[in-house]
Amino acid sequence: MRLAVPSAEIQMRSRTSPLISVMRSPKRVSVTVPDTVMQRLLTHADQQGRSTSNLAAYLLEVALDAMDGKAPIQKRWTGSSQ
């Protein structure tokens, strides 16, 4: 797969590989979830002191890592996860 990145943008990047820098920039996604899932997401985000968006991104990353057979991400918060 080849990414179309303007050469000026590549030249502006510092010290990291241009491809890695482009791929590391956050992307937005819109997802429709059932009300019950949203309520659970809000509850857990509140318990963990993080934004709903941040928790959703974290959960997606954990799920994708599990699908790829990667080790789970270590718990970094002190709030209850149940």
Foldseek 3Di string as FASTA:
>chain_A
DDDDDDPVQQVPDPDDHSVVVVVPDDDDDDDDDDPVVVVLLVVQCVQQVHDSVVSVVLVVVQVVCVVVVHDGDDDDGDGDRD
